[in-house]
Amino acid sequence: MSLKAAAILILIGSSVVLSAQSFDAKQQFQQKCAMCHGADGKGKPAMKTRDWSSADVQKMSDADLAAIITNGKSPMPAYKTMTADQVKDMVAYVRTFKK
């Protein structure tokens, strides 16, 4: 492998790491979820969205929460553009709403 090819691979690898590190679950929540679930995750009664701090949500497994985030649950849209690690970070953020 040439030095130039190795440098390109290093740059590509670095940008992937930076992209993964630049994901901020709290910021993404505020941008994509808060409009329906509220900034505090308590839901919006008028929209009939769930309170993410409630015992029934918090007792859900990480896999169940990840599936809902990834695939959506009517009327919530799917977020299939998120990587598995980003979904994992979002699940961890949802856990911070625990009462």
PDB file of N, CA and C in Angstrom:
ATOM      1  N   MET A   1       0.847  -1.163   0.000  1.00  0.00           N
ATOM      2  CA  MET A   1       0.000   0.000   0.000  1.00  0.00           C
ATOM      3  C   MET A   1       0.898   1.233   0.000  1.00  0.00           C
ATOM      4  N   SER A   2       0.543   2.187  -0.815  1.00  0.00           N
ATOM      5  CA  SER A   2       1.322   3.411  -0.897  1.00  0.00           C
ATOM      6  C   SER A   2       1.063   4.281   0.320  1.00  0.00           C
ATOM      7  N   LEU A   3       1.963   5.206   0.534  1.00  0.00           N
ATOM      8  CA  LEU A   3       1.816   6.139   1.643  1.00  0.00           C
ATOM      9  C   LEU A   3       0.558   6.988   1.464  1.00  0.00           C
ATOM     10  N   LYS A   4       0.282   7.379   0.223  1.00  0.00           N
ATOM     11  CA  LYS A   4      -0.908   8.181  -0.066  1.00  0.00           C
ATOM     12  C   LYS A   4      -2.187   7.399   0.258  1.00  0.00           C
ATOM     13  N   ALA A   5      -2.235   6.123  -0.134  1.00  0.00           N
ATOM     14  CA  ALA A   5      -3.412   5.289   0.141  1.00  0.00           C
ATOM     15  C   ALA A   5      -3.597   5.111   1.644  1.00  0.00           C
ATOM     16  N   ALA A   6      -2.501   4.914   2.361  1.00  0.00           N
ATOM     17  CA  ALA A   6      -2.586   4.758   3.813  1.00  0.00           C
ATOM     18  C   ALA A   6      -3.110   6.033   4.466  1.00  0.00           C
ATOM     19  N   ALA A   7      -2.664   7.184   3.972  1.00  0.00           N
ATOM     20  CA  ALA A   7      -3.105   8.462   4.517  1.00  0.00           C
ATOM     21  C   ALA A   7      -4.600   8.651   4.276  1.00  0.00           C
ATOM     22  N   ILE A   8      -5.068   8.259   3.110  1.00  0.00           N
ATOM     23  CA  ILE A   8      -6.498   8.376   2.800  1.00  0.00           C
ATOM     24  C   ILE A   8      -7.307   7.492   3.734  1.00  0.00           C
ATOM     25  N   LEU A   9      -6.844   6.258   3.962  1.00  0.00           N
ATOM     26  CA  LEU A   9      -7.557   5.359   4.873  1.00  0.00           C
ATOM     27  C   LEU A   9      -7.600   5.922   6.285  1.00  0.00           C
ATOM     28  N   ILE A  10      -6.504   6.524   6.721  1.00  0.00           N
ATOM     29  CA  ILE A  10      -6.464   7.119   8.056  1.00  0.00           C
ATOM     30  C   ILE A  10      -7.463   8.274   8.135  1.00  0.00           C
ATOM     31  N   LEU A  11      -7.509   9.111   7.098  1.00  0.00           N
ATOM     32  CA  LEU A  11      -8.452  10.231   7.092  1.00  0.00           C
ATOM     33  C   LEU A  11      -9.897   9.749   7.101  1.00  0.00           C
ATOM     34  N   ILE A  12     -10.181   8.730   6.314  1.00  0.00           N
ATOM     35  CA  ILE A  12     -11.534   8.184   6.276  1.00  0.00           C
ATOM     36  C   ILE A  12     -11.893   7.613   7.642  1.00  0.00           C
ATOM     37  N   GLY A  13     -10.995   6.849   8.216  1.00  0.00           N
ATOM     38  CA  GLY A  13     -11.239   6.279   9.542  1.00  0.00           C
ATOM     39  C   GLY A  13     -11.431   7.349  10.595  1.00  0.00           C
ATOM     40  N   SER A  14     -10.653   8.422  10.507  1.00  0.00           N
ATOM     41  CA  SER A  14     -10.777   9.518  11.463  1.00  0.00           C
ATOM     42  C   SER A  14     -12.118  10.211  11.335  1.00  0.00           C
ATOM     43  N   SER A  15     -12.581  10.408  10.107  1.00  0.00           N
ATOM     44  CA  SER A  15     -13.857  11.092   9.940  1.00  0.00           C
ATOM     45  C   SER A  15     -15.005  10.238  10.455  1.00  0.00           C
ATOM     46  N   VAL A  16     -14.898   8.928  10.332  1.00  0.00           N
ATOM     47  CA  VAL A  16     -15.936   8.050  10.874  1.00  0.00           C
ATOM     48  C   VAL A  16     -15.954   8.163  12.389  1.00  0.00           C
ATOM     49  N   VAL A  17     -14.794   8.177  13.016  1.00  0.00           N
ATOM     50  CA  VAL A  17     -14.718   8.309  14.472  1.00  0.00           C
ATOM     51  C   VAL A  17     -15.272   9.660  14.897  1.00  0.00           C
ATOM     52  N   LEU A  18     -14.911  10.732  14.195  1.00  0.00           N
ATOM     53  CA  LEU A  18     -15.403  12.052  14.543  1.00  0.00           C
ATOM     54  C   LEU A  18     -16.917  12.131  14.386  1.00  0.00           C
ATOM     55  N   SER A  19     -17.450  11.509  13.346  1.00  0.00           N
ATOM     56  CA  SER A  19     -18.893  11.526  13.143  1.00  0.00           C
ATOM     57  C   SER A  19     -19.599  10.828  14.294  1.00  0.00           C
ATOM     58  N   ALA A  20     -19.074   9.705  14.713  1.00  0.00           N
ATOM     59  CA  ALA A  20     -19.687   8.964  15.811  1.00  0.00           C
ATOM     60  C   ALA A  20     -19.599   9.762  17.106  1.00  0.00           C
ATOM     61  N   GLN A  21     -18.456  10.433  17.314  1.00  0.00           N
ATOM     62  CA  GLN A  21     -18.273  11.189  18.546  1.00  0.00           C
ATOM     63  C   GLN A  21     -19.099  12.467  18.550  1.00  0.00           C
ATOM     64  N   SER A  22     -19.439  12.986  17.383  1.00  0.00           N
ATOM     65  CA  SER A  22     -20.148  14.250  17.335  1.00  0.00           C
ATOM     66  C   SER A  22     -21.644  14.086  17.607  1.00  0.00           C
ATOM     67  N   PHE A  23     -22.136  12.859  17.694  1.00  0.00           N
ATOM     68  CA  PHE A  23     -23.550  12.639  18.001  1.00  0.00           C
ATOM     69  C   PHE A  23     -23.797  12.999  19.456  1.00  0.00           C
ATOM     70  N   ASP A  24     -24.748  13.854  19.678  1.00  0.00           N
ATOM     71  CA  ASP A  24     -25.110  14.287  21.019  1.00  0.00           C
ATOM     72  C   ASP A  24     -26.576  13.911  21.231  1.00  0.00           C
ATOM     73  N   ALA A  25     -26.827  12.881  22.022  1.00  0.00           N
ATOM     74  CA  ALA A  25     -28.186  12.373  22.205  1.00  0.00           C
ATOM     75  C   ALA A  25     -29.117  13.450  22.766  1.00  0.00           C
ATOM     76  N   LYS A  26     -28.636  14.239  23.709  1.00  0.00           N
ATOM     77  CA  LYS A  26     -29.482  15.289  24.280  1.00  0.00           C
ATOM     78  C   LYS A  26     -29.874  16.295  23.197  1.00  0.00           C
ATOM     79  N   GLN A  27     -28.914  16.704  22.407  1.00  0.00           N
ATOM     80  CA  GLN A  27     -29.183  17.662  21.335  1.00  0.00           C
ATOM     81  C   GLN A  27     -30.146  17.058  20.309  1.00  0.00           C
ATOM     82  N   GLN A  28     -29.928  15.803  19.941  1.00  0.00           N
ATOM     83  CA  GLN A  28     -30.810  15.142  18.985  1.00  0.00           C
ATOM     84  C   GLN A  28     -32.218  15.005  19.547  1.00  0.00           C
ATOM     85  N   PHE A  29     -32.314  14.707  20.839  1.00  0.00           N
ATOM     86  CA  PHE A  29     -33.622  14.629  21.485  1.00  0.00           C
ATOM     87  C   PHE A  29     -34.336  15.968  21.367  1.00  0.00           C
ATOM     88  N   GLN A  30     -33.622  17.048  21.682  1.00  0.00           N
ATOM     89  CA  GLN A  30     -34.232  18.374  21.621  1.00  0.00           C
ATOM     90  C   GLN A  30     -34.692  18.716  20.204  1.00  0.00           C
ATOM     91  N   GLN A  31     -33.925  18.282  19.201  1.00  0.00           N
ATOM     92  CA  GLN A  31     -34.258  18.597  17.816  1.00  0.00           C
ATOM     93  C   GLN A  31     -35.359  17.699  17.241  1.00  0.00           C
ATOM     94  N   LYS A  32     -35.367  16.431  17.614  1.00  0.00           N
ATOM     95  CA  LYS A  32     -36.253  15.476  16.953  1.00  0.00           C
ATOM     96  C   LYS A  32     -37.391  14.939  17.817  1.00  0.00           C
ATOM     97  N   CYS A  33     -37.241  14.996  19.118  1.00  0.00           N
ATOM     98  CA  CYS A  33     -38.207  14.324  19.991  1.00  0.00           C
ATOM     99  C   CYS A  33     -38.998  15.274  20.883  1.00  0.00           C
ATOM    100  N   ALA A  34     -38.356  16.355  21.322  1.00  0.00           N
ATOM    101  CA  ALA A  34     -38.969  17.241  22.313  1.00  0.00           C
ATOM    102  C   ALA A  34     -40.274  17.864  21.831  1.00  0.00           C
ATOM    103  N   MET A  35     -40.408  18.076  20.528  1.00  0.00           N
ATOM    104  CA  MET A  35     -41.638  18.704  20.033  1.00  0.00           C
ATOM    105  C   MET A  35     -42.863  17.862  20.379  1.00  0.00           C
ATOM    106  N   CYS A  36     -42.703  16.562  20.517  1.00  0.00           N
ATOM    107  CA  CYS A  36     -43.823  15.684  20.869  1.00  0.00           C
ATOM    108  C   CYS A  36     -43.722  15.149  22.298  1.00  0.00           C
ATOM    109  N   HIS A  37     -42.510  14.879  22.738  1.00  0.00           N
ATOM    110  CA  HIS A  37     -42.327  14.265  24.058  1.00  0.00           C
ATOM    111  C   HIS A  37     -41.999  15.278  25.150  1.00  0.00           C
ATOM    112  N   GLY A  38     -41.869  16.557  24.778  1.00  0.00           N
ATOM    113  CA  GLY A  38     -41.544  17.596  25.751  1.00  0.00           C
ATOM    114  C   GLY A  38     -40.054  17.635  26.039  1.00  0.00           C
ATOM    115  N   ALA A  39     -39.552  18.808  26.352  1.00  0.00           N
ATOM    116  CA  ALA A  39     -38.124  18.978  26.629  1.00  0.00           C
ATOM    117  C   ALA A  39     -37.673  18.151  27.824  1.00  0.00           C
ATOM    118  N   ASP A  40     -38.607  17.882  28.732  1.00  0.00           N
ATOM    119  CA  ASP A  40     -38.286  17.107  29.935  1.00  0.00           C
ATOM    120  C   ASP A  40     -38.635  15.626  29.790  1.00  0.00           C
ATOM    121  N   GLY A  41     -39.102  15.224  28.595  1.00  0.00           N
ATOM    122  CA  GLY A  41     -39.438  13.828  28.343  1.00  0.00           C
ATOM    123  C   GLY A  41     -40.738  13.370  28.988  1.00  0.00           C
ATOM    124  N   LYS A  42     -41.501  14.280  29.547  1.00  0.00           N
ATOM    125  CA  LYS A  42     -42.723  13.906  30.265  1.00  0.00           C
ATOM    126  C   LYS A  42     -43.931  13.739  29.347  1.00  0.00           C
ATOM    127  N   GLY A  43     -43.737  13.935  28.059  1.00  0.00           N
ATOM    128  CA  GLY A  43     -44.829  13.785  27.117  1.00  0.00           C
ATOM    129  C   GLY A  43     -45.700  15.020  27.075  1.00  0.00           C
ATOM    130  N   LYS A  44     -46.612  15.033  26.130  1.00  0.00           N
ATOM    131  CA  LYS A  44     -47.560  16.138  25.991  1.00  0.00           C
ATOM    132  C   LYS A  44     -48.960  15.529  25.956  1.00  0.00           C
ATOM    133  N   PRO A  45     -49.724  15.737  27.032  1.00  0.00           N
ATOM    134  CA  PRO A  45     -51.064  15.138  27.109  1.00  0.00           C
ATOM    135  C   PRO A  45     -51.940  15.434  25.890  1.00  0.00           C
ATOM    136  N   ALA A  46     -51.876  16.647  25.372  1.00  0.00           N
ATOM    137  CA  ALA A  46     -52.710  16.998  24.219  1.00  0.00           C
ATOM    138  C   ALA A  46     -52.366  16.139  22.996  1.00  0.00           C
ATOM    139  N   MET A  47     -51.112  15.695  22.928  1.00  0.00           N
ATOM    140  CA  MET A  47     -50.672  14.856  21.805  1.00  0.00           C
ATOM    141  C   MET A  47     -50.733  13.375  22.155  1.00  0.00           C
ATOM    142  N   LYS A  48     -51.029  13.088  23.425  1.00  0.00           N
ATOM    143  CA  LYS A  48     -51.084  11.714  23.928  1.00  0.00           C
ATOM    144  C   LYS A  48     -49.749  10.986  23.751  1.00  0.00           C
ATOM    145  N   THR A  49     -48.650  11.732  23.947  1.00  0.00           N
ATOM    146  CA  THR A  49     -47.329  11.104  23.885  1.00  0.00           C
ATOM    147  C   THR A  49     -46.947  10.610  25.266  1.00  0.00           C
ATOM    148  N   ARG A  50     -46.137   9.584  25.285  1.00  0.00           N
ATOM    149  CA  ARG A  50     -45.785   8.922  26.541  1.00  0.00           C
ATOM    150  C   ARG A  50     -44.788   9.726  27.362  1.00  0.00           C
ATOM    151  N   ASP A  51     -44.909   9.569  28.653  1.00  0.00           N
ATOM    152  CA  ASP A  51     -43.990  10.145  29.622  1.00  0.00           C
ATOM    153  C   ASP A  51     -42.805   9.192  29.724  1.00  0.00           C
ATOM    154  N   TRP A  52     -41.671   9.620  29.209  1.00  0.00           N
ATOM    155  CA  TRP A  52     -40.494   8.746  29.185  1.00  0.00           C
ATOM    156  C   TRP A  52     -39.925   8.496  30.571  1.00  0.00           C
ATOM    157  N   SER A  53     -40.357   9.286  31.563  1.00  0.00           N
ATOM    158  CA  SER A  53     -39.883   9.052  32.928  1.00  0.00           C
ATOM    159  C   SER A  53     -40.761   8.051  33.666  1.00  0.00           C
ATOM    160  N   SER A  54     -41.885   7.677  33.062  1.00  0.00           N
ATOM    161  CA  SER A  54     -42.823   6.772  33.729  1.00  0.00           C
ATOM    162  C   SER A  54     -42.233   5.371  33.912  1.00  0.00           C
ATOM    163  N   ALA A  55     -42.740   4.690  34.909  1.00  0.00           N
ATOM    164  CA  ALA A  55     -42.260   3.342  35.214  1.00  0.00           C
ATOM    165  C   ALA A  55     -42.465   2.391  34.031  1.00  0.00           C
ATOM    166  N   ASP A  56     -43.594   2.518  33.325  1.00  0.00           N
ATOM    167  CA  ASP A  56     -43.852   1.588  32.220  1.00  0.00           C
ATOM    168  C   ASP A  56     -42.852   1.766  31.074  1.00  0.00           C
ATOM    169  N   VAL A  57     -42.401   2.988  30.836  1.00  0.00           N
ATOM    170  CA  VAL A  57     -41.374   3.194  29.801  1.00  0.00           C
ATOM    171  C   VAL A  57     -40.013   2.767  30.339  1.00  0.00           C
ATOM    172  N   GLN A  58     -39.698   3.157  31.550  1.00  0.00           N
ATOM    173  CA  GLN A  58     -38.380   2.855  32.110  1.00  0.00           C
ATOM    174  C   GLN A  58     -38.151   1.360  32.335  1.00  0.00           C
ATOM    175  N   LYS A  59     -39.230   0.586  32.491  1.00  0.00           N
ATOM    176  CA  LYS A  59     -39.045  -0.859  32.684  1.00  0.00           C
ATOM    177  C   LYS A  59     -38.851  -1.594  31.354  1.00  0.00           C
ATOM    178  N   MET A  60     -39.070  -0.899  30.236  1.00  0.00           N
ATOM    179  CA  MET A  60     -38.848  -1.517  28.924  1.00  0.00           C
ATOM    180  C   MET A  60     -37.363  -1.849  28.770  1.00  0.00           C
ATOM    181  N   SER A  61     -37.087  -2.901  28.061  1.00  0.00           N
ATOM    182  CA  SER A  61     -35.691  -3.270  27.837  1.00  0.00           C
ATOM    183  C   SER A  61     -35.037  -2.274  26.882  1.00  0.00           C
ATOM    184  N   ASP A  62     -33.715  -2.226  26.923  1.00  0.00           N
ATOM    185  CA  ASP A  62     -32.983  -1.371  25.988  1.00  0.00           C
ATOM    186  C   ASP A  62     -33.299  -1.776  24.553  1.00  0.00           C
ATOM    187  N   ALA A  63     -33.429  -3.069  24.319  1.00  0.00           N
ATOM    188  CA  ALA A  63     -33.728  -3.553  22.965  1.00  0.00           C
ATOM    189  C   ALA A  63     -35.098  -3.066  22.498  1.00  0.00           C
ATOM    190  N   ASP A  64     -36.083  -3.065  23.408  1.00  0.00           N
ATOM    191  CA  ASP A  64     -37.418  -2.586  23.046  1.00  0.00           C
ATOM    192  C   ASP A  64     -37.404  -1.089  22.737  1.00  0.00           C
ATOM    193  N   LEU A  65     -36.715  -0.314  23.575  1.00  0.00           N
ATOM    194  CA  LEU A  65     -36.619   1.126  23.314  1.00  0.00           C
ATOM    195  C   LEU A  65     -35.872   1.392  22.013  1.00  0.00           C
ATOM    196  N   ALA A  66     -34.803   0.652  21.776  1.00  0.00           N
ATOM    197  CA  ALA A  66     -34.033   0.817  20.538  1.00  0.00           C
ATOM    198  C   ALA A  66     -34.896   0.508  19.325  1.00  0.00           C
ATOM    199  N   ALA A  67     -35.718  -0.517  19.423  1.00  0.00           N
ATOM    200  CA  ALA A  67     -36.594  -0.885  18.306  1.00  0.00           C
ATOM    201  C   ALA A  67     -37.609   0.220  18.028  1.00  0.00           C
ATOM    202  N   ILE A  68     -38.147   0.827  19.075  1.00  0.00           N
ATOM    203  CA  ILE A  68     -39.115   1.910  18.888  1.00  0.00           C
ATOM    204  C   ILE A  68     -38.438   3.117  18.248  1.00  0.00           C
ATOM    205  N   ILE A  69     -37.249   3.456  18.714  1.00  0.00           N
ATOM    206  CA  ILE A  69     -36.523   4.589  18.143  1.00  0.00           C
ATOM    207  C   ILE A  69     -36.191   4.321  16.678  1.00  0.00           C
ATOM    208  N   THR A  70     -35.720   3.137  16.393  1.00  0.00           N
ATOM    209  CA  THR A  70     -35.303   2.789  15.031  1.00  0.00           C
ATOM    210  C   THR A  70     -36.480   2.640  14.079  1.00  0.00           C
ATOM    211  N   ASN A  71     -37.509   1.939  14.514  1.00  0.00           N
ATOM    212  CA  ASN A  71     -38.620   1.586  13.626  1.00  0.00           C
ATOM    213  C   ASN A  71     -39.843   2.475  13.767  1.00  0.00           C
ATOM    214  N   GLY A  72     -39.865   3.296  14.807  1.00  0.00           N
ATOM    215  CA  GLY A  72     -41.020   4.134  15.060  1.00  0.00           C
ATOM    216  C   GLY A  72     -42.143   3.338  15.694  1.00  0.00           C
ATOM    217  N   LYS A  73     -43.157   4.040  16.128  1.00  0.00           N
ATOM    218  CA  LYS A  73     -44.350   3.411  16.701  1.00  0.00           C
ATOM    219  C   LYS A  73     -45.458   4.434  16.530  1.00  0.00           C
ATOM    220  N   SER A  74     -46.424   4.101  15.741  1.00  0.00           N
ATOM    221  CA  SER A  74     -47.432   5.053  15.301  1.00  0.00           C
ATOM    222  C   SER A  74     -47.916   5.938  16.447  1.00  0.00           C
ATOM    223  N   PRO A  75     -47.883   7.228  16.273  1.00  0.00           N
ATOM    224  CA  PRO A  75     -47.555   8.009  15.088  1.00  0.00           C
ATOM    225  C   PRO A  75     -46.087   8.443  15.011  1.00  0.00           C
ATOM    226  N   MET A  76     -45.252   7.957  15.935  1.00  0.00           N
ATOM    227  CA  MET A  76     -43.843   8.353  15.930  1.00  0.00           C
ATOM    228  C   MET A  76     -43.138   7.811  14.693  1.00  0.00           C
ATOM    229  N   PRO A  77     -42.378   8.671  14.014  1.00  0.00           N
ATOM    230  CA  PRO A  77     -41.668   8.202  12.820  1.00  0.00           C
ATOM    231  C   PRO A  77     -40.466   7.341  13.185  1.00  0.00           C
ATOM    232  N   ALA A  78     -40.016   6.568  12.232  1.00  0.00           N
ATOM    233  CA  ALA A  78     -38.802   5.764  12.389  1.00  0.00           C
ATOM    234  C   ALA A  78     -37.581   6.659  12.211  1.00  0.00           C
ATOM    235  N   TYR A  79     -36.525   6.329  12.903  1.00  0.00           N
ATOM    236  CA  TYR A  79     -35.254   7.050  12.762  1.00  0.00           C
ATOM    237  C   TYR A  79     -34.192   6.066  12.292  1.00  0.00           C
ATOM    238  N   LYS A  80     -34.385   5.549  11.109  1.00  0.00           N
ATOM    239  CA  LYS A  80     -33.487   4.539  10.553  1.00  0.00           C
ATOM    240  C   LYS A  80     -32.142   5.106  10.116  1.00  0.00           C
ATOM    241  N   THR A  81     -32.006   6.422  10.110  1.00  0.00           N
ATOM    242  CA  THR A  81     -30.728   7.020   9.724  1.00  0.00           C
ATOM    243  C   THR A  81     -29.730   7.027  10.880  1.00  0.00           C
ATOM    244  N   MET A  82     -30.207   6.728  12.070  1.00  0.00           N
ATOM    245  CA  MET A  82     -29.300   6.672  13.217  1.00  0.00           C
ATOM    246  C   MET A  82     -28.544   5.352  13.214  1.00  0.00           C
ATOM    247  N   THR A  83     -27.266   5.405  13.560  1.00  0.00           N
ATOM    248  CA  THR A  83     -26.469   4.186  13.663  1.00  0.00           C
ATOM    249  C   THR A  83     -26.864   3.437  14.927  1.00  0.00           C
ATOM    250  N   ALA A  84     -26.436   2.198  15.021  1.00  0.00           N
ATOM    251  CA  ALA A  84     -26.727   1.400  16.217  1.00  0.00           C
ATOM    252  C   ALA A  84     -26.161   2.069  17.468  1.00  0.00           C
ATOM    253  N   ASP A  85     -24.966   2.648  17.356  1.00  0.00           N
ATOM    254  CA  ASP A  85     -24.363   3.330  18.502  1.00  0.00           C
ATOM    255  C   ASP A  85     -25.139   4.583  18.875  1.00  0.00           C
ATOM    256  N   GLN A  86     -25.654   5.305  17.885  1.00  0.00           N
ATOM    257  CA  GLN A  86     -26.445   6.497  18.161  1.00  0.00           C
ATOM    258  C   GLN A  86     -27.756   6.125  18.839  1.00  0.00           C
ATOM    259  N   VAL A  87     -28.368   5.053  18.397  1.00  0.00           N
ATOM    260  CA  VAL A  87     -29.600   4.582  19.037  1.00  0.00           C
ATOM    261  C   VAL A  87     -29.299   4.180  20.481  1.00  0.00           C
ATOM    262  N   LYS A  88     -28.190   3.502  20.680  1.00  0.00           N
ATOM    263  CA  LYS A  88     -27.787   3.105  22.034  1.00  0.00           C
ATOM    264  C   LYS A  88     -27.608   4.341  22.926  1.00  0.00           C
ATOM    265  N   ASP A  89     -26.993   5.390  22.370  1.00  0.00           N
ATOM    266  CA  ASP A  89     -26.824   6.641  23.120  1.00  0.00           C
ATOM    267  C   ASP A  89     -28.173   7.283  23.423  1.00  0.00           C
ATOM    268  N   MET A  90     -29.101   7.206  22.473  1.00  0.00           N
ATOM    269  CA  MET A  90     -30.427   7.784  22.689  1.00  0.00           C
ATOM    270  C   MET A  90     -31.184   7.005  23.768  1.00  0.00           C
ATOM    271  N   VAL A  91     -31.053   5.693  23.767  1.00  0.00           N
ATOM    272  CA  VAL A  91     -31.682   4.879  24.821  1.00  0.00           C
ATOM    273  C   VAL A  91     -31.105   5.278  26.173  1.00  0.00           C
ATOM    274  N   ALA A  92     -29.795   5.449  26.230  1.00  0.00           N
ATOM    275  CA  ALA A  92     -29.158   5.864  27.489  1.00  0.00           C
ATOM    276  C   ALA A  92     -29.687   7.230  27.924  1.00  0.00           C
ATOM    277  N   TYR A  93     -29.910   8.110  26.970  1.00  0.00           N
ATOM    278  CA  TYR A  93     -30.462   9.433  27.307  1.00  0.00           C
ATOM    279  C   TYR A  93     -31.905   9.302  27.826  1.00  0.00           C
ATOM    280  N   VAL A  94     -32.691   8.463  27.209  1.00  0.00           N
ATOM    281  CA  VAL A  94     -34.066   8.218  27.684  1.00  0.00           C
ATOM    282  C   VAL A  94     -34.020   7.746  29.146  1.00  0.00           C
ATOM    283  N   ARG A  95     -33.041   6.954  29.477  1.00  0.00           N
ATOM    284  CA  ARG A  95     -32.913   6.447  30.855  1.00  0.00           C
ATOM    285  C   ARG A  95     -32.669   7.579  31.846  1.00  0.00           C
ATOM    286  N   THR A  96     -32.138   8.711  31.388  1.00  0.00           N
ATOM    287  CA  THR A  96     -31.888   9.841  32.316  1.00  0.00           C
ATOM    288  C   THR A  96     -33.178  10.491  32.771  1.00  0.00           C
ATOM    289  N   PHE A  97     -34.311  10.192  32.118  1.00  0.00           N
ATOM    290  CA  PHE A  97     -35.591  10.769  32.502  1.00  0.00           C
ATOM    291  C   PHE A  97     -36.250  10.011  33.658  1.00  0.00           C
ATOM    292  N   LYS A  98     -35.632   8.934  34.109  1.00  0.00           N
ATOM    293  CA  LYS A  98     -36.213   8.115  35.164  1.00  0.00           C
ATOM    294  C   LYS A  98     -36.567   8.971  36.378  1.00  0.00           C
ATOM    295  N   LYS A  99     -37.751   8.737  36.915  1.00  0.00           N
ATOM    296  CA  LYS A  99     -38.236   9.494  38.082  1.00  0.00           C
ATOM    297  C   LYS A  99     -37.412   9.178  39.302  1.00  0.00           C
TER     298      LYS A  99
END
